[in-house]
Structure formats: structure tokens, C-alpha cells
């Protein structure tokens, strides 16, 4: 008898878990709390840690377990615990273990200040299966706490990071470019390169989102901290060859006029975000009343099958949007979307000038636009992208 193998090995990239179908829910974000133990100057989701009113409204443990159970039944593979600072929840460990027992991979977003020896022991015993993502606000106490506005946060964050390193828990770091730390990029990246789990340089926030609750005066502060488009371009092009290569691939796939379609992204398709109070949203930042589904009176399945599909059929009506954004081939590059319009203007279809400027600045650098051109006026955009990317664009797009 010939020697036969009873096991065929395939890499995950070449294997299909779902054959020709996809699960109804592939991923889920859960915002465990909007509260945070830091008070970062740029953050769009950080209520005070001791906000009793917010804490009282947060979903109880049993409701979160019910949501996690349904998510797993719908085919969900990964849940992201975020906030605020998710480790503020007293039931975090219970929820983490529950999610892992369901077979879910857990992605944790944290500032690391509340990482303890006990938690690292838990992560070592029951690995999250996704790298923890830590945001670092400065390499020095002065710069870090100028951002966090919380005394002792620098020492707490580095203590947490050291515990993760000591216990060999996989994590990556990212940054936020702000006046207090903008001169520390080289030092930050040099240190980040020593982290054994970093397979690429850290990413940065610099075009900061506004508060999606549209409450308070903080949005004025956030706007004042945003990098001007040309300075942002300097950061993006620090590794010019890599940036241009990525943009060639990105532009060939995603840049084209959307017409009057509002949702040209994947928002609400195969995923979504549960906020701290039991509302299911197509994405974390979109809190417009007409896009929110209450899980207190419904289910993830109903939202994904009925509510989100109806929502995604909504069309733009704003005349400024229709005369500009609808005709602009940089739509994918500018990140203009209903969530951004909501944060900036309280609507779903008002152009965001700051995003428009960022996109045009990048397009001129890449040679897609001349200095005096507006992207919505360009008719030969397919040819320009094809020439730039070295690919022939499909004429029907």
C-alpha cells in the first residue's frame, strides 16, 4: 500500500473557514466604558473615571455576556474591548475569560496604566490571541503627562508596559502626535523597534476626531491640536518609498467618486460597535440617532440583517456634498464619511473641509492633482490613478 498522509496542512491565508459564504458577524467592537483614568487633551472618548452617572448607565455584566454569546453564535471570531479605558471595568477579567471560553479572540485597546501582575498572569495563562494595543503619549514624564493631564500616569503606563514585556505578552504600541511629544518621534520609534512583537513602525494619530457625542467645549481644543495638512504629509512621508508604494495599492482599489452614496465604506457590514450603554452602531464614531440600534429591545442579528442594510441605502441630500464629494475621486483618501460629518457638523452628509485639505495635499504630492486643481473637477481620474499605480483601471468603475 502506498504511504498516504491523513492530514493536509494549509496556511490560514489559503484556507477558507466559511467556504463560499461569510459569517453574518465577523468582528465586534465593544466599548466597555467611556470613562478613563487619564484626561488626554486630544481624546474624543474620555469621561472622568469617577463619573457616577456614566457608570450607572453602563451595560451590566450579564447583558454584555448575552451580547458576546450572540456574537459567537453569528460566527464572530474577534471582539475588541475598548473605551475609554476598558480596564476600569471591575468585571473586565470576568468578561475577558467569558469571551475566550466562547472561542473569541480578544483585542484589547489600553493605555497600560492599569495593567497589573495579576492581569499579565491571566494573559499568559489564557492568551488573548491578538496583540494588545497600547497608546504611548510621551517618552518622558513631562511630555506624557502634558498629554494625559494625570499625575503619576507616566510611571503607571511604563510599569504596565514593563510587566507585559517581562511576562512575554504580545503587544504593539502606537502614538499621538501632539505639541508636547512631537520632537520625540525618533526616540519613540527607536524604543518601539526593541519590542519583539512590533513587525512595523508604530502608527500615529494626528488628524484627531472630534467628540462623537457632540457635547462640551472640548472639540475646540481638539481642533487646535490637529496637524496642518502639510505637516501631516511630512509625517506620512518620512518613509517616502513605503508611503508611495502603499498609496499606489490603496488608490487603485479605493479612490473613485461615490456618487450620492453615503456609506461607501464597510460600516455595518459584518461588524459594528456596541457602545457602553447597549446601542449597536455601524462604527464606533457614528452616533447619529438614525444610525443607532438599541440592543435592549433587539438583537445583533436583527440589526445586521435589517436595520444596517436599510441604513446603508440612505443617500446624500446636501447640495455641497453632491457637487463636490459625490464627484471627487479622492473620496477614499479623504476619509469623508457619515461619522466624520456627524462629529464635525451634526449631519451625515456635510463636507469636512479639514479632511478635504488633507486629501488634496496628499494627491498633489503623489502627482494625482495639479496645484490649482480640485479633485471633483477632474474627468480623467481613471487614467491618472492607472498611471500612478501602474495598473489599468476598470472602465466601468
Protein backbone atom coordinates (compact mmCIF):
# COMPACT_ATOMS: atom_id res chain seq x y z
CA UNK A 1 0.00 0.00 0.00
CA UNK A 2 1.33 3.44 -0.86
CA UNK A 3 2.14 5.74 2.03
CA UNK A 4 -0.70 8.25 2.34
CA UNK A 5 -0.99 11.31 4.52
CA UNK A 6 -4.16 11.66 6.56
CA UNK A 7 -3.55 15.36 7.27
CA UNK A 8 -3.22 18.16 4.75
CA UNK A 9 -1.59 21.31 6.07
CA UNK A 10 -2.56 24.72 4.71
CA UNK A 11 -1.66 28.22 5.76
CA UNK A 12 -4.58 30.24 7.09
CA UNK A 13 -4.29 32.57 4.08
CA UNK A 14 -5.07 29.66 1.73
CA UNK A 15 -7.74 28.02 3.85
CA UNK A 16 -11.39 29.07 3.86
CA UNK A 17 -13.28 28.54 7.08
CA UNK A 18 -16.55 29.60 5.52
CA UNK A 19 -16.27 28.12 2.00
CA UNK A 20 -18.26 30.44 -0.27
CA UNK A 21 -20.10 32.29 2.49
CA UNK A 22 -19.10 34.67 5.23
CA UNK A 23 -20.41 34.84 8.79
CA UNK A 24 -23.07 37.44 9.47
CA UNK A 25 -20.80 38.93 12.13
CA UNK A 26 -17.07 38.59 11.63
CA UNK A 27 -15.86 41.10 14.19
CA UNK A 28 -17.33 43.15 17.02
CA UNK A 29 -16.14 46.22 18.91
CA UNK A 30 -17.41 46.63 22.45
CA UNK A 31 -16.87 49.96 24.15
CA UNK A 32 -16.90 48.74 27.74
CA UNK A 33 -16.91 52.27 29.15
CA UNK A 34 -16.48 55.87 28.06
CA UNK A 35 -14.70 56.59 31.33
CA UNK A 36 -10.91 56.85 31.52
CA UNK A 37 -8.34 57.28 34.26
CA UNK A 38 -6.44 59.71 32.01
CA UNK A 39 -7.72 63.06 30.76
CA UNK A 40 -5.87 63.31 27.46
CA UNK A 41 -6.07 66.67 25.74
CA UNK A 42 -6.88 65.21 22.32
CA UNK A 43 -9.17 62.31 23.19
CA UNK A 44 -12.72 62.16 21.85
CA UNK A 45 -13.96 59.49 24.29
CA UNK A 46 -12.82 60.04 27.87
CA UNK A 47 -15.31 60.81 30.57
CA UNK A 48 -13.83 61.08 34.09
CA UNK A 49 -13.11 57.76 35.76
CA UNK A 50 -15.37 58.71 38.68
CA UNK A 51 -18.34 59.79 36.53
CA UNK A 52 -21.04 58.02 38.54
CA UNK A 53 -23.84 58.89 36.11
CA UNK A 54 -21.98 57.29 33.19
CA UNK A 55 -21.02 54.27 35.31
CA UNK A 56 -24.64 53.75 36.35
CA UNK A 57 -25.77 53.69 32.70
CA UNK A 58 -23.14 51.21 31.53
CA UNK A 59 -24.25 47.75 30.48
CA UNK A 60 -24.19 45.24 33.35
CA UNK A 61 -22.07 42.12 33.11
CA UNK A 62 -24.98 39.80 32.29
CA UNK A 63 -26.03 41.93 29.31
CA UNK A 64 -22.50 42.02 27.95
CA UNK A 65 -22.26 38.24 28.27
CA UNK A 66 -25.53 37.90 26.36
CA UNK A 67 -24.13 40.07 23.55
CA UNK A 68 -20.87 38.10 23.45
CA UNK A 69 -22.80 34.82 23.31
CA UNK A 70 -24.92 36.01 20.40
CA UNK A 71 -21.84 37.37 18.63
CA UNK A 72 -20.16 33.95 18.82
CA UNK A 73 -23.34 32.26 17.53
CA UNK A 74 -23.29 34.54 14.48
CA UNK A 75 -19.78 33.47 13.54
CA UNK A 76 -17.81 36.27 15.21
CA UNK A 77 -14.12 35.44 15.56
CA UNK A 78 -12.71 38.58 17.23
CA UNK A 79 -14.02 41.02 19.81
CA UNK A 80 -12.26 44.29 20.54
CA UNK A 81 -12.58 45.65 24.08
CA UNK A 82 -12.09 49.39 24.02
CA UNK A 83 -13.20 52.56 25.76
CA UNK A 84 -12.39 54.98 27.41
CA UNK A 85 -10.12 52.69 29.35
CA UNK A 86 -11.67 49.18 29.34
CA UNK A 87 -9.61 48.04 32.33
CA UNK A 88 -11.61 50.44 34.52
CA UNK A 89 -14.45 47.93 34.46
CA UNK A 90 -14.38 45.86 37.64
CA UNK A 91 -15.74 42.93 35.65
CA UNK A 92 -13.09 43.09 32.92
CA UNK A 93 -11.42 39.82 33.94
CA UNK A 94 -14.78 38.03 34.06
CA UNK A 95 -15.75 39.34 30.62
CA UNK A 96 -12.34 38.51 29.18
CA UNK A 97 -12.46 34.90 30.39
CA UNK A 98 -16.06 34.55 29.20
CA UNK A 99 -15.15 35.80 25.71
CA UNK A 100 -12.17 33.47 25.47
CA UNK A 101 -14.25 30.49 26.62
CA UNK A 102 -16.63 31.26 23.76
CA UNK A 103 -13.67 30.86 21.41
CA UNK A 104 -13.37 34.56 20.63
CA UNK A 105 -10.01 36.19 20.11
CA UNK A 106 -9.74 39.35 22.21
CA UNK A 107 -8.13 42.57 21.06
CA UNK A 108 -7.58 44.97 23.93
CA UNK A 109 -7.04 48.72 23.50
CA UNK A 110 -5.48 50.24 26.63
CA UNK A 111 -3.21 52.97 27.97
CA UNK A 112 -1.44 50.26 30.07
CA UNK A 113 -1.70 52.22 33.32
CA UNK A 114 -3.98 49.60 34.90
CA UNK A 115 -2.01 46.55 33.75
CA UNK A 116 -1.16 44.52 36.86
CA UNK A 117 0.89 41.42 37.63
CA UNK A 118 -2.40 39.58 38.09
CA UNK A 119 -3.63 40.57 34.62
CA UNK A 120 -0.37 39.59 32.94
CA UNK A 121 -0.60 36.21 34.65
CA UNK A 122 -4.13 35.88 33.27
CA UNK A 123 -3.00 36.85 29.74
CA UNK A 124 -0.16 34.35 29.95
CA UNK A 125 -2.46 31.56 31.14
CA UNK A 126 -5.28 32.44 28.73
CA UNK A 127 -3.70 34.32 25.80
CA UNK A 128 -5.88 36.91 24.07
CA UNK A 129 -4.70 35.59 20.64
CA UNK A 130 -4.49 39.19 19.40
CA UNK A 131 -1.76 41.67 20.22
CA UNK A 132 -2.74 44.16 22.89
CA UNK A 133 -2.57 47.72 21.53
CA UNK A 134 -1.02 50.33 23.82
CA UNK A 135 -1.07 54.06 23.12
CA UNK A 136 2.06 55.85 24.40
CA UNK A 137 1.80 59.61 24.90
CA UNK A 138 5.42 60.52 25.56
CA UNK A 139 8.88 59.18 26.28
CA UNK A 140 9.36 61.47 29.26
CA UNK A 141 7.23 62.22 32.29
CA UNK A 142 6.88 65.87 31.26
CA UNK A 143 5.68 65.12 27.73
CA UNK A 144 3.48 62.16 28.69
CA UNK A 145 1.65 63.96 31.45
CA UNK A 146 1.29 67.14 29.41
CA UNK A 147 -0.92 64.96 27.22
CA UNK A 148 -2.58 62.70 29.81
CA UNK A 149 -3.10 65.56 32.32
CA UNK A 150 -2.92 62.99 35.11
CA UNK A 151 -0.13 62.94 37.70
CA UNK A 152 1.53 59.55 38.05
CA UNK A 153 0.23 58.26 34.70
CA UNK A 154 3.71 58.12 33.13
CA UNK A 155 5.08 55.79 35.81
CA UNK A 156 1.90 53.69 35.76
CA UNK A 157 2.00 53.26 31.97
CA UNK A 158 5.63 52.21 31.88
CA UNK A 159 5.10 49.88 34.81
CA UNK A 160 2.31 48.20 32.83
CA UNK A 161 4.44 48.00 29.68
CA UNK A 162 7.34 46.50 31.64
CA UNK A 163 5.02 43.86 33.07
CA UNK A 164 3.88 42.90 29.57
CA UNK A 165 7.49 42.64 28.40
CA UNK A 166 8.62 40.68 31.45
CA UNK A 167 5.79 38.18 31.04
CA UNK A 168 6.19 37.96 27.25
CA UNK A 169 2.65 39.12 26.49
CA UNK A 170 2.33 40.16 22.84
CA UNK A 171 1.59 43.84 22.37
CA UNK A 172 2.23 46.73 19.99
CA UNK A 173 2.44 50.45 20.61
CA UNK A 174 1.11 53.48 18.77
CA UNK A 175 1.34 57.21 19.34
CA UNK A 176 -0.50 60.52 19.11
CA UNK A 177 1.47 63.45 17.69
CA UNK A 178 0.95 66.47 19.90
CA UNK A 179 2.90 69.63 20.77
CA UNK A 180 4.35 68.06 23.91
CA UNK A 181 5.78 64.96 22.20
CA UNK A 182 6.26 65.88 18.53
CA UNK A 183 10.05 66.09 18.95
CA UNK A 184 10.25 62.58 20.38
CA UNK A 185 9.32 60.63 17.24
CA UNK A 186 12.82 59.26 16.62
CA UNK A 187 13.26 58.27 20.27
CA UNK A 188 9.81 56.66 20.34
CA UNK A 189 10.39 54.66 17.16
CA UNK A 190 13.85 53.59 18.28
CA UNK A 191 12.39 52.22 21.50
CA UNK A 192 9.40 50.67 19.72
CA UNK A 193 11.77 48.74 17.44
CA UNK A 194 13.08 46.88 20.51
CA UNK A 195 9.64 45.45 21.29
CA UNK A 196 9.77 41.87 19.95
CA UNK A 197 6.13 41.91 18.79
CA UNK A 198 6.38 45.02 16.60
CA UNK A 199 6.62 43.96 12.95
CA UNK A 200 6.38 47.51 11.61
CA UNK A 201 6.90 51.08 12.88
CA UNK A 202 4.18 52.47 15.16
CA UNK A 203 1.19 54.31 13.72
CA UNK A 204 0.19 57.80 14.82
CA UNK A 205 -2.96 59.78 15.42
CA UNK A 206 -2.59 63.39 14.24
CA UNK A 207 -5.80 64.30 12.38
CA UNK A 208 -7.84 63.89 15.54
CA UNK A 209 -11.54 63.01 15.60
CA UNK A 210 -13.90 65.29 17.48
CA UNK A 211 -16.18 64.11 20.27
CA UNK A 212 -18.84 61.96 18.66
CA UNK A 213 -21.28 62.74 21.48
CA UNK A 214 -21.03 66.36 20.31
CA UNK A 215 -21.07 67.53 23.92
CA UNK A 216 -19.00 70.04 25.85
CA UNK A 217 -16.34 72.51 24.77
CA UNK A 218 -13.54 70.03 24.17
CA UNK A 219 -13.94 70.00 20.40
CA UNK A 220 -12.39 73.45 20.22
CA UNK A 221 -9.30 72.13 21.97
CA UNK A 222 -9.11 69.06 19.73
CA UNK A 223 -9.32 71.22 16.59
CA UNK A 224 -6.45 73.37 17.85
CA UNK A 225 -4.24 70.27 18.23
CA UNK A 226 -4.71 68.88 14.72
CA UNK A 227 -1.66 68.96 12.49
CA UNK A 228 -1.95 71.20 9.43
CA UNK A 229 -2.17 69.10 6.27
CA UNK A 230 1.38 69.89 5.10
CA UNK A 231 2.89 68.94 8.46
CA UNK A 232 0.82 65.77 8.45
CA UNK A 233 2.18 64.98 5.00
CA UNK A 234 5.73 65.35 6.31
CA UNK A 235 4.99 62.70 8.92
CA UNK A 236 3.28 60.38 6.43
CA UNK A 237 6.22 60.62 4.01
CA UNK A 238 9.04 60.08 6.49
CA UNK A 239 9.44 56.74 4.75
CA UNK A 240 8.67 58.04 1.28
CA UNK A 241 9.17 54.84 -0.72
CA UNK A 242 6.96 52.83 1.62
CA UNK A 243 4.29 55.53 1.64
CA UNK A 244 4.18 55.80 -2.16
CA UNK A 245 4.03 52.02 -2.55
CA UNK A 246 1.12 51.79 -0.12
CA UNK A 247 -0.68 54.68 -1.81
CA UNK A 248 -0.37 53.03 -5.23
CA UNK A 249 -2.13 49.96 -3.93
CA UNK A 250 -4.68 51.95 -1.95
CA UNK A 251 -5.59 54.34 -4.75
CA UNK A 252 -6.00 51.55 -7.31
CA UNK A 253 -8.53 49.86 -5.01
CA UNK A 254 -10.40 52.59 -3.20
CA UNK A 255 -10.23 56.04 -4.82
CA UNK A 256 -13.20 56.81 -7.05
CA UNK A 257 -16.27 59.08 -6.97
CA UNK A 258 -19.01 57.61 -4.74
CA UNK A 259 -21.97 59.36 -6.33
CA UNK A 260 -24.77 60.10 -3.88
CA UNK A 261 -23.96 57.01 -1.81
CA UNK A 262 -23.37 57.88 1.83
CA UNK A 263 -21.88 54.62 3.04
CA UNK A 264 -19.07 53.78 0.64
CA UNK A 265 -17.13 52.10 3.47
CA UNK A 266 -17.83 48.73 5.07
CA UNK A 267 -19.57 50.28 8.06
CA UNK A 268 -22.27 47.98 9.39
CA UNK A 269 -21.31 45.09 7.10
CA UNK A 270 -20.11 42.03 9.00
CA UNK A 271 -19.38 44.09 12.08
CA UNK A 272 -20.19 47.07 14.24
CA UNK A 273 -19.69 48.61 17.65
CA UNK A 274 -21.68 48.18 20.85
CA UNK A 275 -21.36 51.34 22.90
CA UNK A 276 -21.11 51.41 26.68
CA UNK A 277 -24.87 51.70 27.09
CA UNK A 278 -26.18 48.98 24.79
CA UNK A 279 -26.52 50.74 21.47
CA UNK A 280 -25.29 48.94 18.35
CA UNK A 281 -23.68 51.30 15.86
CA UNK A 282 -22.31 50.64 12.35
CA UNK A 283 -18.96 52.01 13.58
CA UNK A 284 -17.57 53.33 16.82
CA UNK A 285 -17.68 57.01 15.90
CA UNK A 286 -21.12 57.23 14.28
CA UNK A 287 -23.65 58.14 16.95
CA UNK A 288 -26.25 59.92 14.81
CA UNK A 289 -29.71 58.99 16.18
CA UNK A 290 -30.92 57.46 12.88
CA UNK A 291 -27.93 55.09 12.74
CA UNK A 292 -28.22 53.69 16.27
CA UNK A 293 -29.92 50.38 17.10
CA UNK A 294 -30.83 49.62 20.71
CA UNK A 295 -29.88 46.12 21.80
CA UNK A 296 -32.09 46.49 24.86
CA UNK A 297 -35.05 45.91 22.55
CA UNK A 298 -33.42 43.88 19.78
CA UNK A 299 -30.52 41.72 18.71
CA UNK A 300 -27.24 41.85 16.80
CA UNK A 301 -28.79 39.59 14.18
CA UNK A 302 -31.77 41.85 13.55
CA UNK A 303 -29.52 44.89 13.28
CA UNK A 304 -27.20 43.18 10.79
CA UNK A 305 -29.98 41.66 8.69
CA UNK A 306 -32.49 44.50 8.71
CA UNK A 307 -31.50 47.78 10.37
CA UNK A 308 -27.99 48.32 8.99
CA UNK A 309 -28.88 47.31 5.39
CA UNK A 310 -31.73 49.85 5.37
CA UNK A 311 -29.46 52.49 6.84
CA UNK A 312 -26.78 51.87 4.21
CA UNK A 313 -29.30 52.64 1.45
CA UNK A 314 -29.53 56.26 2.62
CA UNK A 315 -28.49 58.83 0.01
CA UNK A 316 -26.75 62.17 0.38
CA UNK A 317 -29.01 65.21 0.03
CA UNK A 318 -26.65 68.06 0.91
CA UNK A 319 -26.08 70.11 -2.26
CA UNK A 320 -22.49 70.94 -1.30
CA UNK A 321 -21.77 67.22 -0.86
CA UNK A 322 -23.43 66.33 -4.17
CA UNK A 323 -21.49 68.99 -6.10
CA UNK A 324 -18.14 68.07 -4.53
CA UNK A 325 -17.79 64.82 -2.58
CA UNK A 326 -20.10 62.84 -4.87
CA UNK A 327 -17.89 63.71 -7.85
CA UNK A 328 -14.49 63.53 -6.11
CA UNK A 329 -12.21 60.62 -6.96
CA UNK A 330 -10.23 61.19 -3.73
CA UNK A 331 -13.20 60.08 -1.64
CA UNK A 332 -11.35 57.06 -0.26
CA UNK A 333 -8.27 59.12 0.54
CA UNK A 334 -10.03 61.91 2.45
CA UNK A 335 -11.90 59.67 4.93
CA UNK A 336 -15.03 61.77 4.46
CA UNK A 337 -17.86 59.64 5.81
CA UNK A 338 -21.15 59.96 7.72
CA UNK A 339 -19.30 59.59 11.05
CA UNK A 340 -16.93 62.46 10.26
CA UNK A 341 -19.81 64.67 9.11
CA UNK A 342 -21.69 63.83 12.29
CA UNK A 343 -18.78 64.73 14.56
CA UNK A 344 -17.99 67.97 12.74
CA UNK A 345 -21.45 69.22 11.76
CA UNK A 346 -24.19 67.10 13.31
CA UNK A 347 -25.31 65.80 9.90
CA UNK A 348 -24.50 62.78 7.77
CA UNK A 349 -23.57 64.50 4.51
CA UNK A 350 -21.80 67.81 5.11
CA UNK A 351 -18.25 68.02 3.66
CA UNK A 352 -15.46 68.30 6.21
CA UNK A 353 -13.04 70.92 4.92
CA UNK A 354 -10.12 69.70 7.04
CA UNK A 355 -10.34 66.20 5.54
CA UNK A 356 -10.66 67.66 2.05
CA UNK A 357 -7.47 69.64 2.55
CA UNK A 358 -5.58 66.58 3.81
CA UNK A 359 -6.63 64.54 0.77
CA UNK A 360 -5.75 67.26 -1.73
CA UNK A 361 -2.36 67.83 -0.11
CA UNK A 362 -1.51 64.13 -0.43
CA UNK A 363 -2.86 63.93 -4.00
CA UNK A 364 -0.67 66.83 -5.13
CA UNK A 365 2.37 65.22 -3.54
CA UNK A 366 1.58 61.96 -5.37
CA UNK A 367 1.12 63.75 -8.68
CA UNK A 368 -2.59 62.96 -8.95
CA UNK A 369 -3.53 66.65 -8.93
CA UNK A 370 -2.01 69.87 -10.15
CA UNK A 371 -1.59 72.72 -7.70
CA UNK A 372 -4.68 74.63 -8.82
CA UNK A 373 -7.00 71.63 -9.35
CA UNK A 374 -9.89 70.38 -7.27
CA UNK A 375 -10.41 66.63 -7.43
CA UNK A 376 -14.15 66.84 -8.18
CA UNK A 377 -13.33 68.76 -11.37
CA UNK A 378 -11.05 66.05 -12.77
CA UNK A 379 -12.56 63.94 -15.57
CA UNK A 380 -9.59 61.72 -16.44
CA UNK A 381 -9.18 60.37 -12.91
CA UNK A 382 -9.11 56.72 -14.05
CA UNK A 383 -6.14 57.39 -16.31
CA UNK A 384 -4.33 59.33 -13.59
CA UNK A 385 -4.76 56.60 -10.99
CA UNK A 386 -3.85 53.92 -13.52
CA UNK A 387 -0.67 55.75 -14.48
CA UNK A 388 0.25 56.38 -10.84
CA UNK A 389 -0.47 52.83 -9.68
CA UNK A 390 0.89 51.15 -12.80
CA UNK A 391 -2.43 49.38 -13.27
CA UNK A 392 -5.22 49.70 -15.78
CA UNK A 393 -8.41 50.86 -14.10
CA UNK A 394 -11.66 49.08 -14.94
CA UNK A 395 -13.61 51.48 -17.16
CA UNK A 396 -16.94 50.71 -15.54
CA UNK A 397 -15.81 51.96 -12.12
